[in-house]
């Protein structure tokens, strides 16, 4: 798009600086119209329209633009659009074809290898990524991040997902990426055997949704961070051809039934009772509940959604350094009312997040158990429900105001 000749040099320099410092916080194309937000002294809204490759209309709600001038916020968005347009015209890459072909070539060259690949993979990235578009430039950036060792905490796991049809097993790839400044970006991907189901990245890239993707027709493009995560996880997946094939959705139900039957026949002294300890945190006026749990000593529950899922599906779950098996272990009798409240809140949060995502073209929010995380906001009826579930108890209370903490105890009395 032709546009730079319309701006003064100082405005161009400031706009390029805003763009390079990721001040463009969202960019959504609608044909030849783009809508964006830019973080300045406040969040500004920018609308751009092009016709026949030229800038036709530009508007920002900042005072400078409202006075009839092109502002740095408009320039920043136009730089972001240029990058978006360049990506649209790039040729595609097929890194997973190369990954597996290279692997097979190595195996065929080694005639003494009795365990060489027979070609079968339950989770095959060549099939799983069919609904993705991967461009060569983005692939180069992602590969460079992997080679620099920026990906850490990488895990590849398998299990049920709310997005899977017929209870099929899904593949979850999770990890974090360390940026140049030391900031850590949390990421996750969820696939079934045929496509990407869900993604999350807490680092925004202009032109991509808050889920780290942008749409190309019916296919999705991952941002460089998520693609780096996929490349790193892909190598683990390649090296374990049958991973994820051990337990189908039906198999999970049978396994859970077996675990429950086994648990009922165990001596009572082998069954551990898990007690719950909720804590209240008020941060800048907003009240949250965090959770600790354990048998004798309680530890922080880092993902309340995962904890609820493990209890409900009678699966193993690690708290602190101790692994509990909820096919045998159970929430203590005195805390079951509280657990019922936590389960209902976790389900409510998950459903609300999924509803928002389904009405926002896939942009914006983590899903499944990841939408709950390590604390729950207590508002309205949810706060009433918490007080009813935790009545007649004394809870640790932390008040945080502008990063200053004060701690005390709060007694919840019935009536």
Protein backbone atom coordinates (compact mmCIF):
# COMPACT_ATOMS: atom_id res chain seq x y z
CA UNK A 1 0.00 0.00 0.00
CA UNK A 2 1.36 3.47 -0.90
CA UNK A 3 1.17 5.79 2.11
CA UNK A 4 4.53 6.99 3.48
CA UNK A 5 4.66 10.08 1.24
CA UNK A 6 1.58 11.40 3.06
CA UNK A 7 3.38 11.65 6.42
CA UNK A 8 6.00 14.05 7.75
CA UNK A 9 9.36 12.48 8.61
CA UNK A 10 9.01 12.99 12.41
CA UNK A 11 5.60 11.28 12.41
CA UNK A 12 7.00 8.38 10.37
CA UNK A 13 9.87 7.95 12.82
CA UNK A 14 7.54 8.00 15.84
CA UNK A 15 5.11 5.64 14.15
CA UNK A 16 7.91 3.18 13.30
CA UNK A 17 9.07 3.37 16.92
CA UNK A 18 5.55 2.59 18.16
CA UNK A 19 5.30 -0.33 15.76
CA UNK A 20 8.72 -1.74 16.71
CA UNK A 21 7.85 -1.47 20.42
CA UNK A 22 4.66 -3.47 19.84
CA UNK A 23 2.34 -0.58 20.65
CA UNK A 24 -0.10 -1.89 18.02
CA UNK A 25 -2.11 -4.12 20.34
CA UNK A 26 -4.64 -5.48 17.82
CA UNK A 27 -5.12 -5.52 14.04
CA UNK A 28 -8.15 -6.99 12.31
CA UNK A 29 -8.53 -6.99 8.51
CA UNK A 30 -12.00 -6.83 6.92
CA UNK A 31 -11.42 -6.89 3.17
CA UNK A 32 -9.77 -3.56 2.34
CA UNK A 33 -10.56 -2.11 5.76
CA UNK A 34 -8.42 -2.57 8.88
CA UNK A 35 -9.36 -1.80 12.45
CA UNK A 36 -6.66 -1.59 15.09
CA UNK A 37 -5.86 -0.38 18.59
CA UNK A 38 -2.63 1.39 19.58
CA UNK A 39 -1.38 1.88 23.12
CA UNK A 40 -0.29 5.48 23.67
CA UNK A 41 -1.07 7.66 26.69
CA UNK A 42 -4.33 5.68 26.44
CA UNK A 43 -5.67 3.05 24.06
CA UNK A 44 -6.47 4.64 20.69
CA UNK A 45 -8.68 3.16 17.96
CA UNK A 46 -7.49 3.41 14.35
CA UNK A 47 -9.42 2.68 11.14
CA UNK A 48 -7.63 2.31 7.81
CA UNK A 49 -9.15 1.79 4.37
CA UNK A 50 -7.26 1.19 1.13
CA UNK A 51 -8.37 1.21 -2.50
CA UNK A 52 -6.36 -0.12 -5.43
CA UNK A 53 -3.20 -0.38 -3.33
CA UNK A 54 -3.34 3.19 -2.01
CA UNK A 55 -4.34 4.69 1.32
CA UNK A 56 -7.92 5.91 0.89
CA UNK A 57 -9.03 6.72 4.45
CA UNK A 58 -7.36 6.88 7.84
CA UNK A 59 -8.74 7.94 11.20
CA UNK A 60 -7.61 7.81 14.82
CA UNK A 61 -9.50 9.05 17.86
CA UNK A 62 -6.43 10.87 19.24
CA UNK A 63 -6.50 14.72 19.38
CA UNK A 64 -3.84 15.11 16.66
CA UNK A 65 -5.82 13.06 14.14
CA UNK A 66 -9.10 14.70 15.10
CA UNK A 67 -7.48 18.04 14.23
CA UNK A 68 -7.07 16.81 10.66
CA UNK A 69 -3.51 15.45 10.68
CA UNK A 70 -1.97 12.03 10.15
CA UNK A 71 -0.73 10.88 13.57
CA UNK A 72 1.95 8.44 14.78
CA UNK A 73 -0.76 5.93 15.76
CA UNK A 74 -1.99 5.72 12.17
CA UNK A 75 1.61 5.38 10.95
CA UNK A 76 2.27 2.55 13.44
CA UNK A 77 -0.80 0.66 12.19
CA UNK A 78 0.25 1.15 8.55
CA UNK A 79 3.68 -0.35 9.32
CA UNK A 80 1.86 -3.33 10.88
CA UNK A 81 -0.37 -3.66 7.78
CA UNK A 82 2.71 -3.66 5.55
CA UNK A 83 4.11 -6.61 7.49
CA UNK A 84 0.74 -8.36 7.30
CA UNK A 85 0.60 -7.86 3.51
CA UNK A 86 4.17 -9.13 3.09
CA UNK A 87 3.27 -12.30 4.98
CA UNK A 88 0.21 -12.81 2.78
CA UNK A 89 2.41 -12.95 -0.34
CA UNK A 90 5.08 -15.30 1.05
CA UNK A 91 5.55 -18.86 -0.11
CA UNK A 92 4.60 -21.72 2.15
CA UNK A 93 6.97 -24.01 4.02
CA UNK A 94 6.42 -27.67 4.92
CA UNK A 95 8.71 -28.23 7.90
CA UNK A 96 7.06 -31.44 9.07
CA UNK A 97 7.42 -33.16 5.71
CA UNK A 98 11.12 -32.35 5.96
CA UNK A 99 11.27 -33.44 9.61
CA UNK A 100 9.86 -36.90 8.93
CA UNK A 101 11.63 -37.36 5.57
CA UNK A 102 14.95 -36.58 7.20
CA UNK A 103 14.15 -39.04 9.97
CA UNK A 104 13.22 -41.79 7.50
CA UNK A 105 16.35 -41.13 5.43
CA UNK A 106 18.52 -41.59 8.51
CA UNK A 107 16.74 -44.85 9.34
CA UNK A 108 17.10 -46.31 5.85
CA UNK A 109 20.80 -45.45 5.81
CA UNK A 110 21.30 -47.37 9.03
CA UNK A 111 20.81 -51.00 7.98
CA UNK A 112 21.77 -52.25 11.45
CA UNK A 113 18.81 -50.49 13.08
CA UNK A 114 16.23 -53.13 13.94
CA UNK A 115 13.79 -50.55 15.34
CA UNK A 116 13.54 -48.25 12.36
CA UNK A 117 10.35 -46.34 11.67
CA UNK A 118 7.56 -48.35 10.00
CA UNK A 119 5.74 -45.17 8.92
CA UNK A 120 2.84 -45.40 11.39
CA UNK A 121 2.19 -42.58 13.84
CA UNK A 122 -0.94 -42.13 15.88
CA UNK A 123 -0.29 -38.38 16.07
CA UNK A 124 1.33 -37.47 12.75
CA UNK A 125 2.18 -33.77 12.45
CA UNK A 126 1.87 -33.88 8.68
CA UNK A 127 -1.81 -34.73 9.13
CA UNK A 128 -2.38 -32.70 12.31
CA UNK A 129 -1.21 -29.47 10.66
CA UNK A 130 -3.36 -29.68 7.55
CA UNK A 131 -5.51 -26.76 8.73
CA UNK A 132 -2.41 -24.60 9.27
CA UNK A 133 -0.56 -22.39 6.81
CA UNK A 134 3.17 -22.01 7.52
CA UNK A 135 5.16 -19.38 5.66
CA UNK A 136 8.89 -19.70 5.01
CA UNK A 137 9.81 -16.43 6.74
CA UNK A 138 7.84 -17.29 9.88
CA UNK A 139 9.34 -20.77 9.83
CA UNK A 140 12.86 -19.31 9.70
CA UNK A 141 12.12 -17.07 12.68
CA UNK A 142 10.66 -19.98 14.66
CA UNK A 143 13.59 -22.26 13.82
CA UNK A 144 16.03 -19.58 14.96
CA UNK A 145 14.22 -19.32 18.31
CA UNK A 146 14.52 -23.08 18.76
CA UNK A 147 18.23 -23.11 17.89
CA UNK A 148 18.88 -20.33 20.41
CA UNK A 149 17.30 -22.47 23.13
CA UNK A 150 14.52 -19.99 23.84
CA UNK A 151 11.89 -22.71 24.43
CA UNK A 152 11.84 -24.15 27.96
CA UNK A 153 9.46 -26.18 30.11
CA UNK A 154 8.41 -28.14 27.02
CA UNK A 155 5.83 -30.86 27.65
CA UNK A 156 3.96 -33.08 25.21
CA UNK A 157 1.02 -34.88 26.82
CA UNK A 158 -2.12 -36.71 25.76
CA UNK A 159 -5.65 -36.88 27.09
CA UNK A 160 -9.28 -35.81 26.61
CA UNK A 161 -10.29 -32.28 25.61
CA UNK A 162 -13.58 -30.39 25.60
CA UNK A 163 -12.97 -29.73 21.89
CA UNK A 164 -12.47 -33.33 20.81
CA UNK A 165 -15.29 -35.22 19.15
CA UNK A 166 -16.39 -38.60 20.52
CA UNK A 167 -13.99 -38.35 23.46
CA UNK A 168 -10.92 -38.87 21.27
CA UNK A 169 -7.46 -38.47 22.73
CA UNK A 170 -5.77 -35.13 22.03
CA UNK A 171 -2.16 -33.99 21.95
CA UNK A 172 -1.20 -31.03 24.16
CA UNK A 173 2.08 -29.16 23.59
CA UNK A 174 2.93 -26.63 26.29
CA UNK A 175 5.97 -24.52 27.06
CA UNK A 176 7.33 -21.04 27.54
CA UNK A 177 9.62 -18.80 25.52
CA UNK A 178 12.19 -16.42 26.99
CA UNK A 179 12.34 -13.10 25.14
CA UNK A 180 15.43 -10.91 24.77
CA UNK A 181 14.51 -8.82 27.80
CA UNK A 182 14.02 -11.90 29.98
CA UNK A 183 10.23 -11.84 29.87
CA UNK A 184 8.62 -15.26 29.70
CA UNK A 185 5.74 -16.02 27.36
CA UNK A 186 3.40 -18.91 28.20
CA UNK A 187 2.07 -20.93 25.25
CA UNK A 188 -0.01 -24.02 24.54
CA UNK A 189 -1.38 -25.94 21.55
CA UNK A 190 -4.08 -28.60 21.41
CA UNK A 191 -4.47 -30.97 18.43
CA UNK A 192 -6.60 -33.95 17.62
CA UNK A 193 -5.28 -36.38 15.02
CA UNK A 194 -6.42 -34.20 12.11
CA UNK A 195 -6.22 -30.51 13.04
CA UNK A 196 -5.37 -27.74 15.48
CA UNK A 197 -8.21 -27.38 17.98
CA UNK A 198 -7.02 -24.62 20.26
CA UNK A 199 -4.03 -22.35 20.91
CA UNK A 200 -2.91 -19.82 23.50
CA UNK A 201 -0.06 -17.30 23.57
CA UNK A 202 0.20 -14.45 26.07
CA UNK A 203 2.41 -12.38 23.74
CA UNK A 204 0.54 -10.29 21.18
CA UNK A 205 1.77 -10.02 17.57
CA UNK A 206 0.19 -7.36 15.30
CA UNK A 207 -2.19 -8.94 12.81
CA UNK A 208 -2.71 -12.07 14.93
CA UNK A 209 -5.56 -12.78 17.32
CA UNK A 210 -4.94 -13.10 21.05
CA UNK A 211 -4.94 -16.88 20.53
CA UNK A 212 -1.75 -16.39 18.49
CA UNK A 213 -3.38 -17.18 15.12
CA UNK A 214 -4.69 -15.35 12.11
CA UNK A 215 -7.05 -16.73 9.53
CA UNK A 216 -6.31 -17.45 5.87
CA UNK A 217 -9.67 -18.69 4.61
CA UNK A 218 -10.32 -21.90 6.50
CA UNK A 219 -6.70 -22.30 7.59
CA UNK A 220 -4.81 -20.70 10.47
CA UNK A 221 -1.34 -19.21 10.69
CA UNK A 222 0.55 -19.50 14.00
CA UNK A 223 2.67 -16.59 15.21
CA UNK A 224 6.47 -17.23 15.36
CA UNK A 225 6.42 -18.11 19.07
CA UNK A 226 3.69 -20.75 18.72
CA UNK A 227 5.36 -22.16 15.62
CA UNK A 228 8.64 -22.45 17.56
CA UNK A 229 6.74 -24.35 20.26
CA UNK A 230 5.25 -26.64 17.60
CA UNK A 231 8.65 -27.29 15.99
CA UNK A 232 10.19 -28.14 19.37
CA UNK A 233 7.27 -30.36 20.38
CA UNK A 234 7.24 -31.94 16.94
CA UNK A 235 10.65 -33.45 17.48
CA UNK A 236 9.48 -35.11 20.69
CA UNK A 237 6.39 -36.37 18.92
CA UNK A 238 8.43 -37.71 15.99
CA UNK A 239 10.67 -39.67 18.35
CA UNK A 240 7.67 -41.39 20.00
CA UNK A 241 5.61 -42.77 17.05
CA UNK A 242 2.94 -44.50 19.16
CA UNK A 243 2.55 -41.73 21.73
CA UNK A 244 -1.08 -41.04 22.54
CA UNK A 245 -2.27 -44.33 21.06
CA UNK A 246 -2.60 -46.15 24.37
CA UNK A 247 -5.86 -44.64 25.60
CA UNK A 248 -8.88 -43.72 23.49
CA UNK A 249 -11.89 -41.95 24.95
CA UNK A 250 -13.65 -45.27 25.49
CA UNK A 251 -10.46 -46.68 26.99
CA UNK A 252 -10.32 -43.77 29.43
CA UNK A 253 -13.83 -44.58 30.64
CA UNK A 254 -12.94 -48.24 31.10
CA UNK A 255 -9.72 -47.30 32.89
CA UNK A 256 -11.54 -44.91 35.22
CA UNK A 257 -14.14 -47.58 35.98
CA UNK A 258 -11.34 -50.02 36.79
CA UNK A 259 -9.64 -47.46 39.03
CA UNK A 260 -12.89 -46.78 40.89
CA UNK A 261 -13.52 -50.51 41.34
CA UNK A 262 -9.96 -51.03 42.54
CA UNK A 263 -10.23 -48.10 44.95
CA UNK A 264 -13.41 -49.46 46.53
CA UNK A 265 -11.64 -52.72 47.34
CA UNK A 266 -8.55 -51.10 48.91
CA UNK A 267 -8.10 -51.10 52.69
CA UNK A 268 -9.20 -47.79 54.18
CA UNK A 269 -5.69 -47.08 55.50
CA UNK A 270 -4.38 -46.90 51.90
CA UNK A 271 -6.89 -44.23 50.92
CA UNK A 272 -5.69 -40.68 51.54
CA UNK A 273 -8.04 -37.84 52.39
CA UNK A 274 -7.11 -34.56 50.75
CA UNK A 275 -8.01 -31.43 52.65
CA UNK A 276 -8.54 -28.06 50.99
CA UNK A 277 -7.39 -24.68 52.23
CA UNK A 278 -8.76 -21.70 50.31
CA UNK A 279 -7.09 -18.33 50.72
CA UNK A 280 -8.41 -14.87 49.93
CA UNK A 281 -6.39 -12.26 48.06
CA UNK A 282 -7.60 -8.73 47.37
CA UNK A 283 -5.50 -7.09 44.69
CA UNK A 284 -6.22 -3.46 43.81
CA UNK A 285 -9.79 -3.84 45.05
CA UNK A 286 -10.60 -7.16 43.31
CA UNK A 287 -11.15 -10.22 45.50
CA UNK A 288 -9.73 -13.61 44.44
CA UNK A 289 -9.63 -17.10 45.89
CA UNK A 290 -6.47 -19.19 45.66
CA UNK A 291 -6.28 -22.82 46.73
CA UNK A 292 -3.92 -25.08 48.63
CA UNK A 293 -4.45 -28.79 49.10
CA UNK A 294 -2.75 -31.86 50.53
CA UNK A 295 -2.99 -34.69 53.04
CA UNK A 296 -0.94 -33.47 56.02
CA UNK A 297 0.72 -30.34 54.68
CA UNK A 298 -1.02 -28.24 52.03
CA UNK A 299 0.65 -26.86 48.89
CA UNK A 300 -0.38 -24.40 46.20
CA UNK A 301 -2.67 -25.78 43.48
CA UNK A 302 -1.13 -24.20 40.38
CA UNK A 303 -4.05 -24.94 38.07
CA UNK A 304 -7.44 -25.22 39.74
CA UNK A 305 -9.07 -26.35 36.49
CA UNK A 306 -6.66 -29.28 36.10
CA UNK A 307 -7.17 -30.20 39.77
CA UNK A 308 -10.96 -30.31 39.41
CA UNK A 309 -10.65 -32.39 36.23
CA UNK A 310 -8.35 -34.91 37.94
CA UNK A 311 -10.73 -35.33 40.87
CA UNK A 312 -13.80 -35.66 38.65
CA UNK A 313 -12.18 -38.13 36.23
CA UNK A 314 -10.37 -40.05 39.00
CA UNK A 315 -6.93 -39.37 37.58
CA UNK A 316 -3.49 -38.78 39.14
CA UNK A 317 -2.57 -35.20 40.08
CA UNK A 318 0.60 -33.76 41.61
CA UNK A 319 0.36 -31.23 44.45
CA UNK A 320 3.72 -29.94 45.64
CA UNK A 321 5.99 -32.97 45.17
CA UNK A 322 3.33 -35.56 46.02
CA UNK A 323 1.28 -37.39 43.40
CA UNK A 324 -2.24 -38.28 44.46
CA UNK A 325 -4.38 -40.84 42.64
CA UNK A 326 -8.02 -39.79 42.79
CA UNK A 327 -9.16 -43.25 41.75
CA UNK A 328 -8.17 -44.11 45.32
CA UNK A 329 -7.67 -40.84 47.19
CA UNK A 330 -10.56 -38.47 47.87
CA UNK A 331 -11.44 -34.98 49.05
CA UNK A 332 -12.03 -35.01 52.80
CA UNK A 333 -15.64 -35.22 53.92
CA UNK A 334 -15.47 -31.81 55.61
CA UNK A 335 -14.27 -30.11 52.40
CA UNK A 336 -16.64 -31.68 49.88
CA UNK A 337 -19.05 -28.75 50.03
CA UNK A 338 -16.16 -26.39 49.26
CA UNK A 339 -14.97 -28.64 46.43
CA UNK A 340 -18.49 -28.61 44.96
CA UNK A 341 -18.34 -24.81 44.87
CA UNK A 342 -14.88 -24.83 43.24
CA UNK A 343 -16.02 -27.40 40.65
CA UNK A 344 -19.10 -25.32 39.74
CA UNK A 345 -17.02 -22.14 39.41
CA UNK A 346 -14.40 -23.87 37.26
CA UNK A 347 -17.12 -25.20 34.95
CA UNK A 348 -18.76 -21.76 34.80
CA UNK A 349 -15.49 -20.01 33.89
CA UNK A 350 -14.67 -22.58 31.22
CA UNK A 351 -18.11 -22.29 29.62
CA UNK A 352 -18.01 -18.47 29.70
CA UNK A 353 -14.60 -18.40 28.02
CA UNK A 354 -15.72 -20.85 25.35
CA UNK A 355 -18.86 -18.77 24.71
CA UNK A 356 -16.81 -15.59 24.26
CA UNK A 357 -14.39 -17.32 21.90
CA UNK A 358 -17.21 -18.78 19.81
CA UNK A 359 -18.64 -15.29 19.27
CA UNK A 360 -15.33 -13.53 18.58
CA UNK A 361 -14.02 -15.49 15.59
CA UNK A 362 -11.62 -17.46 17.77
CA UNK A 363 -9.76 -14.46 19.16
CA UNK A 364 -8.85 -13.71 22.68
CA UNK A 365 -9.02 -16.23 25.47
CA UNK A 366 -7.49 -19.44 26.81
CA UNK A 367 -9.86 -22.36 27.01
CA UNK A 368 -10.51 -25.65 28.76
CA UNK A 369 -8.88 -26.04 32.17
CA UNK A 370 -6.29 -23.37 31.23
CA UNK A 371 -8.96 -20.66 31.53
CA UNK A 372 -9.19 -21.23 35.31
CA UNK A 373 -5.49 -21.27 36.32
CA UNK A 374 -4.36 -20.61 39.90
CA UNK A 375 -6.97 -18.18 41.21
CA UNK A 376 -10.65 -17.47 40.88
CA UNK A 377 -12.24 -14.02 40.90
CA UNK A 378 -15.04 -13.73 43.46
CA UNK A 379 -17.87 -11.46 42.28
CA UNK A 380 -21.63 -11.30 42.87
CA UNK A 381 -23.32 -14.66 43.34
CA UNK A 382 -19.93 -16.37 43.14
CA UNK A 383 -18.84 -14.51 46.28
CA UNK A 384 -22.09 -15.50 48.02
CA UNK A 385 -21.48 -19.12 47.05
CA UNK A 386 -17.94 -19.01 48.43
CA UNK A 387 -19.06 -17.63 51.80
CA UNK A 388 -21.77 -20.32 51.99
CA UNK A 389 -19.25 -23.09 51.19
CA UNK A 390 -16.54 -21.81 53.57
CA UNK A 391 -18.69 -20.58 56.48
CA UNK A 392 -17.43 -20.97 60.05
CA UNK A 393 -13.79 -21.07 58.93
CA UNK A 394 -10.86 -18.71 59.40
CA UNK A 395 -8.94 -17.99 56.20
CA UNK A 396 -5.59 -16.36 55.45
CA UNK A 397 -6.22 -12.97 53.81
CA UNK A 398 -3.74 -10.93 51.75
CA UNK A 399 -4.44 -7.36 50.69
CA UNK A 400 -2.29 -6.02 47.84
CA UNK A 401 -2.42 -2.31 46.99
CA UNK A 402 0.10 -1.04 44.44
CA UNK A 403 2.30 -4.09 45.07
CA UNK A 404 2.33 -3.45 48.84
CA UNK A 405 1.16 -6.56 50.76
CA UNK A 406 -0.52 -6.84 54.16
CA UNK A 407 -1.56 -10.20 55.58
CA UNK A 408 -4.17 -11.09 58.20
CA UNK A 409 -6.87 -13.64 58.94
CA UNK A 410 -10.53 -13.40 58.06
CA UNK A 411 -13.18 -15.32 59.99
CA UNK A 412 -16.29 -16.29 58.02
CA UNK A 413 -19.18 -16.68 60.43
CA UNK A 414 -22.51 -18.25 59.48
CA UNK A 415 -25.62 -16.10 59.56
